[in-house]
Protein backbone atom coordinates (compact mmCIF):
# COMPACT_ATOMS: atom_id res chain seq x y z
CA MET A 1 0.00 0.00 0.00
CA ASN A 2 1.48 3.33 -1.01
CA ARG A 3 1.40 6.47 1.13
CA ARG A 4 -1.60 8.01 -0.68
CA SER A 5 -3.71 4.84 -0.28
CA PHE A 6 -2.78 4.58 3.38
CA ILE A 7 -3.85 8.17 4.08
CA LYS A 8 -7.17 7.57 2.29
CA VAL A 9 -7.94 4.39 4.26
CA ALA A 10 -6.87 5.97 7.55
CA GLY A 11 -9.09 8.96 6.85
CA ILE A 12 -12.14 6.77 6.23
CA ALA A 13 -11.44 4.77 9.38
CA GLY A 14 -11.02 7.95 11.38
CA SER A 15 -14.29 9.36 10.08
CA THR A 16 -16.11 6.12 10.91
CA LEU A 17 -14.67 6.14 14.43
CA ALA A 18 -15.71 9.78 14.91
CA VAL A 19 -19.27 8.98 13.80
CA ARG A 20 -19.42 6.03 16.22
CA GLU A 21 -18.10 8.16 19.06
CA SER A 22 -20.64 10.90 18.30
CA ALA A 23 -23.47 8.36 18.21
CA GLY A 24 -22.27 6.88 21.48
CA ALA A 25 -22.11 10.29 23.12
CA LEU A 26 -25.63 11.10 21.91
CA LEU A 27 -26.97 7.79 23.23
CA LYS A 28 -25.30 8.38 26.59
CA LYS A 29 -26.74 11.88 26.73
CA ASN A 30 -30.23 10.52 26.07
CA MET A 31 -29.82 7.80 28.69
CA GLU A 32 -28.58 10.29 31.28
CA SER A 33 -31.34 12.82 30.78
CA ASN A 34 -31.51 15.86 33.02
CA LYS A 35 -35.12 16.51 32.09
CA ARG A 36 -37.57 16.93 34.94
CA VAL A 37 -41.33 16.63 35.27
CA VAL A 38 -43.33 18.22 38.08
CA ALA A 39 -46.82 16.95 38.88
CA ILE A 40 -49.41 18.87 40.89
CA ASN A 41 -51.66 16.56 42.92
CA GLY A 42 -54.89 18.39 43.72
CA SER A 43 -56.45 15.61 45.77
CA PRO A 44 -56.87 16.09 49.53
CA ASN A 45 -55.80 12.45 49.89
CA GLU A 46 -52.04 12.31 49.45
CA GLN A 47 -52.03 8.52 48.90
CA GLY A 48 -55.34 8.13 47.08
CA ASN A 49 -56.45 7.34 43.54
CA THR A 50 -54.88 10.47 42.06
CA ALA A 51 -51.52 9.61 43.62
CA TYR A 52 -51.77 6.11 42.13
CA ALA A 53 -52.50 7.48 38.66
CA LEU A 54 -49.49 9.79 38.95
CA SER A 55 -47.30 6.88 40.04
CA LEU A 56 -48.11 5.06 36.79
CA ILE A 57 -46.86 8.05 34.80
CA GLY A 58 -43.87 8.48 37.09
CA GLU A 59 -42.75 4.88 36.58
CA GLU A 60 -42.64 5.35 32.81
CA LEU A 61 -40.72 8.61 33.10
CA GLU A 62 -38.18 7.25 35.56
CA GLN A 63 -37.58 4.19 33.35
CA ALA A 64 -36.70 6.68 30.61
CA GLY A 65 -34.22 8.43 32.90
CA ILE A 66 -36.43 11.46 33.47
CA GLY A 67 -36.82 12.99 36.93
CA PHE A 68 -40.32 13.05 38.40
CA GLU A 69 -41.60 14.97 41.42
CA VAL A 70 -45.11 15.20 42.85
CA ILE A 71 -46.20 18.34 44.69
CA HIS A 72 -49.21 17.60 46.86
CA ILE A 73 -51.38 20.70 47.31
CA GLY A 74 -54.83 19.21 47.83
CA ASP A 75 -54.82 19.40 51.63
CA LYS A 76 -53.38 22.94 51.86
CA ARG A 77 -55.18 26.23 52.50
CA ILE A 78 -55.03 28.05 49.16
CA ARG A 79 -56.96 31.18 48.31
CA GLY A 80 -58.48 31.71 44.89
CA CYS A 81 -58.10 34.55 42.41
CA MET A 82 -59.50 37.89 43.64
CA ALA A 83 -59.43 39.56 40.20
CA CYS A 84 -57.33 42.36 41.74
CA ASN A 85 -55.22 42.65 38.54
CA HIS A 86 -52.04 43.36 40.53
CA CYS A 87 -50.33 40.59 38.56
CA PHE A 88 -50.57 42.81 35.47
CA GLU A 89 -48.46 45.45 37.25
CA LYS A 90 -46.07 43.27 39.25
CA GLY A 91 -45.74 40.20 37.01
CA GLN A 92 -46.66 37.90 39.87
CA CYS A 93 -49.58 37.13 42.16
CA ILE A 94 -49.37 39.28 45.30
CA TYR A 95 -51.21 36.58 47.27
CA THR A 96 -48.58 33.91 46.57
CA ASN A 97 -47.13 32.83 49.91
CA GLU A 98 -43.67 31.42 50.57
CA GLN A 99 -44.72 27.80 50.07
CA GLU A 100 -46.56 28.58 46.86
CA GLU A 101 -43.53 30.49 45.55
CA LYS A 102 -41.46 27.32 45.96
CA TRP A 103 -44.06 25.34 44.00
CA VAL A 104 -44.17 27.93 41.23
CA ASP A 105 -40.37 27.99 41.05
CA LYS A 106 -40.31 24.22 40.54
CA MET A 107 -42.97 24.52 37.84
CA LYS A 108 -40.95 27.21 36.08
CA LYS A 109 -37.80 25.06 36.12
CA ALA A 110 -39.57 21.88 35.00
CA ASP A 111 -39.56 20.68 31.39
CA ALA A 112 -43.08 19.31 31.75
CA ILE A 113 -46.00 19.84 34.12
CA VAL A 114 -48.73 17.36 35.03
CA LEU A 115 -52.03 18.59 36.48
CA ALA A 116 -53.93 15.89 38.38
CA SER A 117 -57.29 16.23 40.09
CA PRO A 118 -60.12 14.07 41.36
CA VAL A 119 -63.66 14.95 40.31
CA TYR A 120 -65.61 16.86 42.97
CA PHE A 121 -69.20 17.78 42.16
CA GLY A 122 -68.55 17.28 38.47
CA GLY A 123 -65.44 19.47 38.32
CA ILE A 124 -61.90 20.20 39.50
CA ALA A 125 -61.27 19.83 43.24
CA GLY A 126 -61.72 23.23 44.94
CA THR A 127 -58.21 23.69 46.30
CA MET A 128 -56.70 22.70 42.97
CA LYS A 129 -58.88 25.14 41.05
CA ALA A 130 -58.05 27.98 43.44
CA PHE A 131 -54.33 27.34 42.88
CA LEU A 132 -54.57 26.99 39.10
CA ASP A 133 -56.74 30.10 38.64
CA ARG A 134 -54.11 32.28 40.27
CA ILE A 135 -50.93 30.63 39.11
CA PHE A 136 -51.81 30.13 35.47
CA PHE A 137 -53.13 33.66 35.15
CA ALA A 138 -50.15 35.33 36.79
CA TYR A 139 -47.33 33.11 35.48
CA SER A 140 -48.64 31.59 32.25
CA GLN A 141 -45.84 33.09 30.12
CA ALA A 142 -43.32 31.13 32.19
CA PHE A 143 -44.97 27.88 31.10
CA ARG A 144 -45.05 28.71 27.38
CA ASN A 145 -43.64 25.92 25.17
CA LYS A 146 -43.29 23.52 28.09
CA ILE A 147 -45.01 20.15 27.86
CA GLY A 148 -48.26 20.03 29.82
CA VAL A 149 -50.66 17.17 30.48
CA SER A 150 -53.59 16.59 32.79
CA LEU A 151 -55.29 13.56 34.28
CA VAL A 152 -58.48 12.95 36.20
CA THR A 153 -59.64 10.34 38.71
CA ALA A 154 -63.33 9.77 39.24
CA ARG A 155 -65.83 7.35 40.73
CA ARG A 156 -68.26 7.71 37.83
CA SER A 157 -69.36 11.00 36.23
CA GLY A 158 -67.63 14.30 35.47
CA ALA A 159 -64.27 12.99 34.33
CA SER A 160 -64.43 14.30 30.76
CA VAL A 161 -65.63 17.75 31.82
CA THR A 162 -62.91 18.00 34.46
CA PHE A 163 -60.27 16.80 31.98
CA ALA A 164 -61.32 19.50 29.51
CA SER A 165 -61.23 22.15 32.25
CA LEU A 166 -57.69 21.21 33.27
CA ASN A 167 -56.55 21.31 29.66
CA GLN A 168 -57.77 24.89 29.35
CA TYR A 169 -55.02 26.02 31.74
CA LEU A 170 -52.45 24.31 29.53
CA THR A 171 -53.65 25.55 26.17
CA ILE A 172 -54.16 29.17 27.20
CA SER A 173 -50.53 29.10 28.37
CA GLN A 174 -49.37 27.91 24.92
CA MET A 175 -48.09 24.64 26.32
CA ILE A 176 -47.44 21.54 24.22
CA VAL A 177 -50.06 18.91 25.09
CA PRO A 178 -49.33 15.28 24.09
CA SER A 179 -52.14 12.74 24.12
CA SER A 180 -52.65 9.12 25.15
CA VAL A 181 -54.83 6.34 23.72
CA TYR A 182 -57.98 7.91 25.19
CA TRP A 183 -58.93 10.79 27.44
CA ASN A 184 -56.71 10.78 30.53
CA ASN A 185 -59.28 9.44 33.00
CA ILE A 186 -59.13 6.52 35.43
CA HIS A 187 -62.09 5.32 37.50
CA ALA A 188 -62.46 3.84 41.00
CA THR A 189 -64.23 4.50 44.28
CA VAL A 190 -61.36 3.48 46.56
CA LYS A 191 -57.66 2.95 45.93
CA GLU A 192 -57.98 -0.82 46.29
CA GLU A 193 -60.13 -0.86 43.14
CA ILE A 194 -58.24 1.53 40.87
CA ALA A 195 -55.84 -1.06 39.43
CA ASP A 196 -58.91 -2.96 38.21
CA ASP A 197 -59.54 -0.21 35.65
CA LYS A 198 -57.20 -1.85 33.15
CA GLU A 199 -57.97 0.64 30.40
CA GLY A 200 -57.34 3.54 32.77
CA VAL A 201 -54.00 2.04 33.78
CA TRP A 202 -53.08 1.61 30.10
CA ILE A 203 -54.03 5.23 29.40
CA MET A 204 -51.78 6.53 32.20
CA GLN A 205 -48.84 4.33 31.23
CA THR A 206 -49.11 5.36 27.59
CA LEU A 207 -49.32 9.00 28.61
CA GLY A 208 -46.10 8.60 30.59
CA LYS A 209 -44.38 6.97 27.62
CA ASN A 210 -45.53 9.73 25.26
CA VAL A 211 -44.33 12.51 27.57
CA ALA A 212 -40.97 10.75 27.91
CA ALA A 213 -40.61 10.36 24.14
CA LEU A 214 -41.44 14.01 23.53
CA LEU A 215 -38.97 15.16 26.17
CA LYS A 216 -36.14 12.97 24.90
CA TYR A 217 -36.61 13.08 21.16
CA GLY A 218 -39.15 15.81 20.43
């Protein structure tokens, strides 16, 4: 092999090695994701049906190497929007307390947000709605272009209406909303029964997979 042929072969080999190394680095980067998802649990019951539904999503995200944190607000004292319009002037809600500021900060830093609520009287749980009304009005620009999904737990009726209501907070904030195989509802009266809703479990698991795929490859 003459010198010119050797240089040509060595160059091709070097290029191939560089491509392999780049592909390996990209794969490693995807496997070691620093993406984070924050979920807001609006149920008063910290370990109830809503927590179970969130755990199904969390398992899929964590398997994909994505961080997952649940913020439980359903049993807290949270005031609703007073329509004072101070957020227009100050860029933040003047009624946001220290604890709520920490929650909002985590939501701002997250790559995706999950809103989860049980159905109460055919709609969003009261504490959850009070929180969302204020936070999504005052800070919606901070959530723009983040991924946002919602899910609902219910005994029987009101799930679809509540699901649509939660999605309104996401869409008015210009968030990216991935879907699942059906509306994101799961049904049970008590936690011991919720795993029996096989379709609901499938919906939540698929939702988790879709959020993970969008975060990693979207």
